[in-house]
Each structure stands twice: as C-alpha cells, then as structure tokens.
Amino acid sequence: MKAIVHVGLKPGVLDPQGKAVADSLGRMGFAEVSGARIGKVIELDLEGVSEADAEARVKDMCEKLLANTVIESYRIELVG
C-alpha cells in the first residue's frame, strides 16, 4: 500500500517561495498567474499494515515529523 501525503501552508501563512514563483511567472509573460502557493508531496510505501491502521499511523507520522502543524496542513491519500 502507498500513502501519499500532501503538505501545504495554512491559509494566512506567508509564502515567500510562492510569491517569488508567481512574480517570476508574471515577468515571463504569464500574466494570468495572480498567486502561487508551494507545498510538498511525500510518498510512503507501507507494508504489513491494514488500511485502517495505515491511516492512523501516517497521521501520527505527519503530526510528529512530516508536517509542521503550527503553519502547515496535510491531507493523506491511501492507494492500493
């Protein structure tokens, strides 16, 4: 089974990297881009765990290491 974790900044948290990307795209002629937010995707290969246990375990991983829950939110997707 694979767990895909999508991590991104919470609304209202400044994203200087996203601003730089949006500004650069605008200067490159992509005027339709009015903003950008940068996040990360983490893929975990899981073995020997049920789907119900996998979600709980991955949530625990996110809370302890994969996401800074003060400024980031995350979404877990289980595949297979």
PDB file of N, CA and C in Angstrom:
ATOM      1  N   MET A   1       0.853  -1.173   0.000  1.00  0.00           N
ATOM      2  CA  MET A   1       0.000   0.000   0.000  1.00  0.00           C
ATOM      3  C   MET A   1       0.893   1.228   0.000  1.00  0.00           C
ATOM      4  N   LYS A   2       0.406   2.273  -0.602  1.00  0.00           N
ATOM      5  CA  LYS A   2       1.144   3.529  -0.664  1.00  0.00           C
ATOM      6  C   LYS A   2       0.309   4.610   0.002  1.00  0.00           C
ATOM      7  N   ALA A   3       0.977   5.439   0.782  1.00  0.00           N
ATOM      8  CA  ALA A   3       0.341   6.617   1.366  1.00  0.00           C
ATOM      9  C   ALA A   3       0.958   7.837   0.704  1.00  0.00           C
ATOM     10  N   ILE A   4       0.100   8.708   0.221  1.00  0.00           N
ATOM     11  CA  ILE A   4       0.569   9.959  -0.369  1.00  0.00           C
ATOM     12  C   ILE A   4       0.105  11.086   0.553  1.00  0.00           C
ATOM     13  N   VAL A   5       1.062  11.855   1.041  1.00  0.00           N
ATOM     14  CA  VAL A   5       0.778  12.937   1.977  1.00  0.00           C
ATOM     15  C   VAL A   5       1.018  14.258   1.256  1.00  0.00           C
ATOM     16  N   HIS A   6      -0.015  15.093   1.201  1.00  0.00           N
ATOM     17  CA  HIS A   6       0.067  16.421   0.598  1.00  0.00           C
ATOM     18  C   HIS A   6       0.178  17.433   1.748  1.00  0.00           C
ATOM     19  N   VAL A   7       1.257  18.195   1.769  1.00  0.00           N
ATOM     20  CA  VAL A   7       1.502  19.166   2.835  1.00  0.00           C
ATOM     21  C   VAL A   7       1.564  20.553   2.220  1.00  0.00           C
ATOM     22  N   GLY A   8       0.875  21.498   2.831  1.00  0.00           N
ATOM     23  CA  GLY A   8       0.893  22.876   2.340  1.00  0.00           C
ATOM     24  C   GLY A   8       0.724  23.852   3.485  1.00  0.00           C
ATOM     25  N   LEU A   9       1.077  25.084   3.233  1.00  0.00           N
ATOM     26  CA  LEU A   9       0.930  26.115   4.256  1.00  0.00           C
ATOM     27  C   LEU A   9      -0.550  26.393   4.528  1.00  0.00           C
ATOM     28  N   LYS A  10      -0.851  26.671   5.771  1.00  0.00           N
ATOM     29  CA  LYS A  10      -2.221  27.026   6.144  1.00  0.00           C
ATOM     30  C   LYS A  10      -2.557  28.400   5.555  1.00  0.00           C
ATOM     31  N   PRO A  11      -3.857  28.659   5.331  1.00  0.00           N
ATOM     32  CA  PRO A  11      -4.260  29.985   4.837  1.00  0.00           C
ATOM     33  C   PRO A  11      -3.775  31.069   5.794  1.00  0.00           C
ATOM     34  N   GLY A  12      -3.306  32.159   5.245  1.00  0.00           N
ATOM     35  CA  GLY A  12      -2.839  33.278   6.055  1.00  0.00           C
ATOM     36  C   GLY A  12      -1.355  33.233   6.381  1.00  0.00           C
ATOM     37  N   VAL A  13      -0.711  32.100   6.152  1.00  0.00           N
ATOM     38  CA  VAL A  13       0.735  31.999   6.391  1.00  0.00           C
ATOM     39  C   VAL A  13       1.451  32.511   5.144  1.00  0.00           C
ATOM     40  N   LEU A  14       2.379  33.430   5.337  1.00  0.00           N
ATOM     41  CA  LEU A  14       3.111  33.987   4.209  1.00  0.00           C
ATOM     42  C   LEU A  14       3.926  32.905   3.514  1.00  0.00           C
ATOM     43  N   ASP A  15       3.967  32.988   2.183  1.00  0.00           N
ATOM     44  CA  ASP A  15       4.687  32.006   1.377  1.00  0.00           C
ATOM     45  C   ASP A  15       5.643  32.746   0.443  1.00  0.00           C
ATOM     46  N   PRO A  16       6.837  33.103   0.929  1.00  0.00           N
ATOM     47  CA  PRO A  16       7.764  33.858   0.084  1.00  0.00           C
ATOM     48  C   PRO A  16       8.197  33.099  -1.167  1.00  0.00           C
ATOM     49  N   GLN A  17       8.316  31.785  -1.072  1.00  0.00           N
ATOM     50  CA  GLN A  17       8.690  30.996  -2.248  1.00  0.00           C
ATOM     51  C   GLN A  17       7.570  31.048  -3.292  1.00  0.00           C
ATOM     52  N   GLY A  18       6.329  30.930  -2.851  1.00  0.00           N
ATOM     53  CA  GLY A  18       5.195  31.028  -3.763  1.00  0.00           C
ATOM     54  C   GLY A  18       5.115  32.399  -4.414  1.00  0.00           C
ATOM     55  N   LYS A  19       5.380  33.452  -3.627  1.00  0.00           N
ATOM     56  CA  LYS A  19       5.363  34.810  -4.179  1.00  0.00           C
ATOM     57  C   LYS A  19       6.442  34.960  -5.238  1.00  0.00           C
ATOM     58  N   ALA A  20       7.630  34.426  -4.981  1.00  0.00           N
ATOM     59  CA  ALA A  20       8.723  34.516  -5.955  1.00  0.00           C
ATOM     60  C   ALA A  20       8.355  33.797  -7.252  1.00  0.00           C
ATOM     61  N   VAL A  21       7.729  32.634  -7.137  1.00  0.00           N
ATOM     62  CA  VAL A  21       7.317  31.887  -8.325  1.00  0.00           C
ATOM     63  C   VAL A  21       6.265  32.676  -9.108  1.00  0.00           C
ATOM     64  N   ALA A  22       5.256  33.208  -8.407  1.00  0.00           N
ATOM     65  CA  ALA A  22       4.206  33.970  -9.082  1.00  0.00           C
ATOM     66  C   ALA A  22       4.780  35.208  -9.766  1.00  0.00           C
ATOM     67  N   ASP A  23       5.678  35.917  -9.079  1.00  0.00           N
ATOM     68  CA  ASP A  23       6.293  37.109  -9.669  1.00  0.00           C
ATOM     69  C   ASP A  23       7.114  36.747 -10.910  1.00  0.00           C
ATOM     70  N   SER A  24       7.879  35.668 -10.818  1.00  0.00           N
ATOM     71  CA  SER A  24       8.703  35.242 -11.957  1.00  0.00           C
ATOM     72  C   SER A  24       7.842  34.842 -13.151  1.00  0.00           C
ATOM     73  N   LEU A  25       6.775  34.120 -12.892  1.00  0.00           N
ATOM     74  CA  LEU A  25       5.880  33.728 -13.980  1.00  0.00           C
ATOM     75  C   LEU A  25       5.273  34.955 -14.650  1.00  0.00           C
ATOM     76  N   GLY A  26       4.902  35.951 -13.844  1.00  0.00           N
ATOM     77  CA  GLY A  26       4.362  37.189 -14.400  1.00  0.00           C
ATOM     78  C   GLY A  26       5.365  37.882 -15.305  1.00  0.00           C
ATOM     79  N   ARG A  27       6.623  37.939 -14.873  1.00  0.00           N
ATOM     80  CA  ARG A  27       7.669  38.566 -15.689  1.00  0.00           C
ATOM     81  C   ARG A  27       7.969  37.764 -16.953  1.00  0.00           C
ATOM     82  N   MET A  28       7.664  36.472 -16.939  1.00  0.00           N
ATOM     83  CA  MET A  28       7.905  35.616 -18.104  1.00  0.00           C
ATOM     84  C   MET A  28       6.751  35.660 -19.103  1.00  0.00           C
ATOM     85  N   GLY A  29       5.731  36.483 -18.803  1.00  0.00           N
ATOM     86  CA  GLY A  29       4.628  36.629 -19.739  1.00  0.00           C
ATOM     87  C   GLY A  29       3.371  35.868 -19.357  1.00  0.00           C
ATOM     88  N   PHE A  30       3.360  35.233 -18.209  1.00  0.00           N
ATOM     89  CA  PHE A  30       2.170  34.503 -17.766  1.00  0.00           C
ATOM     90  C   PHE A  30       1.355  35.408 -16.831  1.00  0.00           C
ATOM     91  N   ALA A  31       0.767  36.425 -17.420  1.00  0.00           N
ATOM     92  CA  ALA A  31       0.058  37.453 -16.653  1.00  0.00           C
ATOM     93  C   ALA A  31      -1.171  36.918 -15.934  1.00  0.00           C
ATOM     94  N   GLU A  32      -1.681  35.765 -16.361  1.00  0.00           N
ATOM     95  CA  GLU A  32      -2.876  35.207 -15.719  1.00  0.00           C
ATOM     96  C   GLU A  32      -2.601  34.651 -14.323  1.00  0.00           C
ATOM     97  N   VAL A  33      -1.333  34.481 -13.959  1.00  0.00           N
ATOM     98  CA  VAL A  33      -0.993  33.951 -12.634  1.00  0.00           C
ATOM     99  C   VAL A  33      -1.009  35.108 -11.646  1.00  0.00           C
ATOM    100  N   SER A  34      -1.946  35.060 -10.702  1.00  0.00           N
ATOM    101  CA  SER A  34      -2.051  36.129  -9.713  1.00  0.00           C
ATOM    102  C   SER A  34      -1.482  35.715  -8.355  1.00  0.00           C
ATOM    103  N   GLY A  35      -1.147  34.445  -8.201  1.00  0.00           N
ATOM    104  CA  GLY A  35      -0.571  33.986  -6.947  1.00  0.00           C
ATOM    105  C   GLY A  35      -0.183  32.527  -7.045  1.00  0.00           C
ATOM    106  N   ALA A  36       0.684  32.095  -6.156  1.00  0.00           N
ATOM    107  CA  ALA A  36       1.104  30.691  -6.125  1.00  0.00           C
ATOM    108  C   ALA A  36       1.397  30.307  -4.676  1.00  0.00           C
ATOM    109  N   ARG A  37       1.154  29.065  -4.351  1.00  0.00           N
ATOM    110  CA  ARG A  37       1.488  28.508  -3.034  1.00  0.00           C
ATOM    111  C   ARG A  37       2.339  27.275  -3.295  1.00  0.00           C
ATOM    112  N   ILE A  38       3.382  27.119  -2.528  1.00  0.00           N
ATOM    113  CA  ILE A  38       4.293  25.994  -2.687  1.00  0.00           C
ATOM    114  C   ILE A  38       4.049  25.000  -1.554  1.00  0.00           C
ATOM    115  N   GLY A  39       3.993  23.727  -1.910  1.00  0.00           N
ATOM    116  CA  GLY A  39       3.811  22.673  -0.911  1.00  0.00           C
ATOM    117  C   GLY A  39       4.743  21.522  -1.222  1.00  0.00           C
ATOM    118  N   LYS A  40       4.456  20.393  -0.611  1.00  0.00           N
ATOM    119  CA  LYS A  40       5.266  19.203  -0.879  1.00  0.00           C
ATOM    120  C   LYS A  40       4.380  17.971  -0.878  1.00  0.00           C
ATOM    121  N   VAL A  41       4.835  16.956  -1.592  1.00  0.00           N
ATOM    122  CA  VAL A  41       4.143  15.666  -1.646  1.00  0.00           C
ATOM    123  C   VAL A  41       5.130  14.614  -1.170  1.00  0.00           C
ATOM    124  N   ILE A  42       4.699  13.794  -0.225  1.00  0.00           N
ATOM    125  CA  ILE A  42       5.539  12.733   0.325  1.00  0.00           C
ATOM    126  C   ILE A  42       4.857  11.408   0.038  1.00  0.00           C
ATOM    127  N   GLU A  43       5.556  10.491  -0.620  1.00  0.00           N
ATOM    128  CA  GLU A  43       5.016   9.161  -0.906  1.00  0.00           C
ATOM    129  C   GLU A  43       5.688   8.152   0.018  1.00  0.00           C
ATOM    130  N   LEU A  44       4.872   7.393   0.719  1.00  0.00           N
ATOM    131  CA  LEU A  44       5.373   6.377   1.648  1.00  0.00           C
ATOM    132  C   LEU A  44       4.899   5.004   1.191  1.00  0.00           C
ATOM    133  N   ASP A  45       5.808   4.048   1.088  1.00  0.00           N
ATOM    134  CA  ASP A  45       5.441   2.662   0.810  1.00  0.00           C
ATOM    135  C   ASP A  45       5.250   1.963   2.147  1.00  0.00           C
ATOM    136  N   LEU A  46       4.069   1.401   2.361  1.00  0.00           N
ATOM    137  CA  LEU A  46       3.729   0.755   3.627  1.00  0.00           C
ATOM    138  C   LEU A  46       3.548  -0.739   3.419  1.00  0.00           C
ATOM    139  N   GLU A  47       4.024  -1.515   4.359  1.00  0.00           N
ATOM    140  CA  GLU A  47       3.877  -2.968   4.291  1.00  0.00           C
ATOM    141  C   GLU A  47       3.397  -3.497   5.638  1.00  0.00           C
ATOM    142  N   GLY A  48       2.584  -4.543   5.578  1.00  0.00           N
ATOM    143  CA  GLY A  48       2.172  -5.241   6.791  1.00  0.00           C
ATOM    144  C   GLY A  48       1.252  -4.469   7.707  1.00  0.00           C
ATOM    145  N   VAL A  49       0.433  -3.600   7.132  1.00  0.00           N
ATOM    146  CA  VAL A  49      -0.492  -2.815   7.950  1.00  0.00           C
ATOM    147  C   VAL A  49      -1.835  -2.733   7.220  1.00  0.00           C
ATOM    148  N   SER A  50      -2.928  -2.819   7.987  1.00  0.00           N
ATOM    149  CA  SER A  50      -4.257  -2.708   7.383  1.00  0.00           C
ATOM    150  C   SER A  50      -4.522  -1.262   6.987  1.00  0.00           C
ATOM    151  N   GLU A  51      -5.530  -1.060   6.148  1.00  0.00           N
ATOM    152  CA  GLU A  51      -5.846   0.296   5.695  1.00  0.00           C
ATOM    153  C   GLU A  51      -6.228   1.199   6.867  1.00  0.00           C
ATOM    154  N   ALA A  52      -7.027   0.665   7.789  1.00  0.00           N
ATOM    155  CA  ALA A  52      -7.447   1.464   8.945  1.00  0.00           C
ATOM    156  C   ALA A  52      -6.245   1.844   9.809  1.00  0.00           C
ATOM    157  N   ASP A  53      -5.363   0.891  10.040  1.00  0.00           N
ATOM    158  CA  ASP A  53      -4.167   1.171  10.837  1.00  0.00           C
ATOM    159  C   ASP A  53      -3.218   2.096  10.081  1.00  0.00           C
ATOM    160  N   ALA A  54      -3.136   1.936   8.763  1.00  0.00           N
ATOM    161  CA  ALA A  54      -2.233   2.756   7.961  1.00  0.00           C
ATOM    162  C   ALA A  54      -2.584   4.228   8.090  1.00  0.00           C
ATOM    163  N   GLU A  55      -3.845   4.557   8.013  1.00  0.00           N
ATOM    164  CA  GLU A  55      -4.240   5.962   8.104  1.00  0.00           C
ATOM    165  C   GLU A  55      -3.856   6.549   9.460  1.00  0.00           C
ATOM    166  N   ALA A  56      -4.093   5.788  10.514  1.00  0.00           N
ATOM    167  CA  ALA A  56      -3.748   6.266  11.858  1.00  0.00           C
ATOM    168  C   ALA A  56      -2.239   6.423  12.009  1.00  0.00           C
ATOM    169  N   ARG A  57      -1.474   5.470  11.479  1.00  0.00           N
ATOM    170  CA  ARG A  57      -0.015   5.514  11.577  1.00  0.00           C
ATOM    171  C   ARG A  57       0.548   6.697  10.781  1.00  0.00           C
ATOM    172  N   VAL A  58       0.027   6.914   9.578  1.00  0.00           N
ATOM    173  CA  VAL A  58       0.526   8.021   8.755  1.00  0.00           C
ATOM    174  C   VAL A  58       0.147   9.350   9.382  1.00  0.00           C
ATOM    175  N   LYS A  59      -1.037   9.441   9.962  1.00  0.00           N
ATOM    176  CA  LYS A  59      -1.420  10.668  10.664  1.00  0.00           C
ATOM    177  C   LYS A  59      -0.443  10.951  11.795  1.00  0.00           C
ATOM    178  N   ASP A  60      -0.069   9.926  12.522  1.00  0.00           N
ATOM    179  CA  ASP A  60       0.900  10.074  13.606  1.00  0.00           C
ATOM    180  C   ASP A  60       2.252  10.544  13.054  1.00  0.00           C
ATOM    181  N   MET A  61       2.670   9.996  11.909  1.00  0.00           N
ATOM    182  CA  MET A  61       3.917  10.409  11.266  1.00  0.00           C
ATOM    183  C   MET A  61       3.874  11.893  10.893  1.00  0.00           C
ATOM    184  N   CYS A  62       2.730  12.322  10.366  1.00  0.00           N
ATOM    185  CA  CYS A  62       2.564  13.723   9.974  1.00  0.00           C
ATOM    186  C   CYS A  62       2.656  14.648  11.186  1.00  0.00           C
ATOM    187  N   GLU A  63       1.978  14.262  12.250  1.00  0.00           N
ATOM    188  CA  GLU A  63       1.955  15.088  13.461  1.00  0.00           C
ATOM    189  C   GLU A  63       3.339  15.179  14.106  1.00  0.00           C
ATOM    190  N   LYS A  64       4.140  14.122  13.986  1.00  0.00           N
ATOM    191  CA  LYS A  64       5.441  14.084  14.656  1.00  0.00           C
ATOM    192  C   LYS A  64       6.609  14.562  13.799  1.00  0.00           C
ATOM    193  N   LEU A  65       6.515  14.399  12.459  1.00  0.00           N
ATOM    194  CA  LEU A  65       7.679  14.706  11.634  1.00  0.00           C
ATOM    195  C   LEU A  65       7.374  15.353  10.278  1.00  0.00           C
ATOM    196  N   LEU A  66       6.418  14.834   9.562  1.00  0.00           N
ATOM    197  CA  LEU A  66       6.261  15.200   8.155  1.00  0.00           C
ATOM    198  C   LEU A  66       5.683  16.592   7.920  1.00  0.00           C
ATOM    199  N   ALA A  67       4.923  17.117   8.873  1.00  0.00           N
ATOM    200  CA  ALA A  67       4.318  18.447   8.715  1.00  0.00           C
ATOM    201  C   ALA A  67       4.532  19.261   9.987  1.00  0.00           C
ATOM    202  N   ASN A  68       4.779  20.538   9.806  1.00  0.00           N
ATOM    203  CA  ASN A  68       4.827  21.456  10.938  1.00  0.00           C
ATOM    204  C   ASN A  68       3.399  21.952  11.129  1.00  0.00           C
ATOM    205  N   THR A  69       2.669  21.307  12.031  1.00  0.00           N
ATOM    206  CA  THR A  69       1.228  21.565  12.144  1.00  0.00           C
ATOM    207  C   THR A  69       0.885  22.956  12.674  1.00  0.00           C
ATOM    208  N   VAL A  70       1.878  23.714  13.100  1.00  0.00           N
ATOM    209  CA  VAL A  70       1.624  25.092  13.503  1.00  0.00           C
ATOM    210  C   VAL A  70       1.310  25.940  12.270  1.00  0.00           C
ATOM    211  N   ILE A  71       2.040  25.699  11.175  1.00  0.00           N
ATOM    212  CA  ILE A  71       1.869  26.528   9.977  1.00  0.00           C
ATOM    213  C   ILE A  71       1.439  25.741   8.744  1.00  0.00           C
ATOM    214  N   GLU A  72       1.425  24.401   8.834  1.00  0.00           N
ATOM    215  CA  GLU A  72       1.087  23.579   7.670  1.00  0.00           C
ATOM    216  C   GLU A  72      -0.107  22.693   7.959  1.00  0.00           C
ATOM    217  N   SER A  73      -0.861  22.405   6.904  1.00  0.00           N
ATOM    218  CA  SER A  73      -1.918  21.411   6.979  1.00  0.00           C
ATOM    219  C   SER A  73      -1.516  20.263   6.065  1.00  0.00           C
ATOM    220  N   TYR A  74      -2.147  19.120   6.252  1.00  0.00           N
ATOM    221  CA  TYR A  74      -1.808  17.968   5.418  1.00  0.00           C
ATOM    222  C   TYR A  74      -3.061  17.169   5.099  1.00  0.00           C
ATOM    223  N   ARG A  75      -2.957  16.403   4.008  1.00  0.00           N
ATOM    224  CA  ARG A  75      -4.037  15.523   3.567  1.00  0.00           C
ATOM    225  C   ARG A  75      -3.403  14.185   3.216  1.00  0.00           C
ATOM    226  N   ILE A  76      -4.015  13.102   3.688  1.00  0.00           N
ATOM    227  CA  ILE A  76      -3.493  11.767   3.461  1.00  0.00           C
ATOM    228  C   ILE A  76      -4.366  11.047   2.431  1.00  0.00           C
ATOM    229  N   GLU A  77      -3.701  10.422   1.457  1.00  0.00           N
ATOM    230  CA  GLU A  77      -4.382   9.634   0.440  1.00  0.00           C
ATOM    231  C   GLU A  77      -3.759   8.237   0.445  1.00  0.00           C
ATOM    232  N   LEU A  78      -4.585   7.206   0.673  1.00  0.00           N
ATOM    233  CA  LEU A  78      -4.105   5.834   0.646  1.00  0.00           C
ATOM    234  C   LEU A  78      -4.426   5.207  -0.707  1.00  0.00           C
ATOM    235  N   VAL A  79      -3.447   4.556  -1.318  1.00  0.00           N
ATOM    236  CA  VAL A  79      -3.599   3.940  -2.640  1.00  0.00           C
ATOM    237  C   VAL A  79      -3.216   2.468  -2.545  1.00  0.00           C
ATOM    238  N   GLY A  80      -4.093   1.609  -3.084  1.00  0.00           N
ATOM    239  CA  GLY A  80      -3.809   0.176  -3.112  1.00  0.00           C
ATOM    240  C   GLY A  80      -4.052  -0.443  -1.800  1.00  0.00           C
TER     241      GLY A  80
END
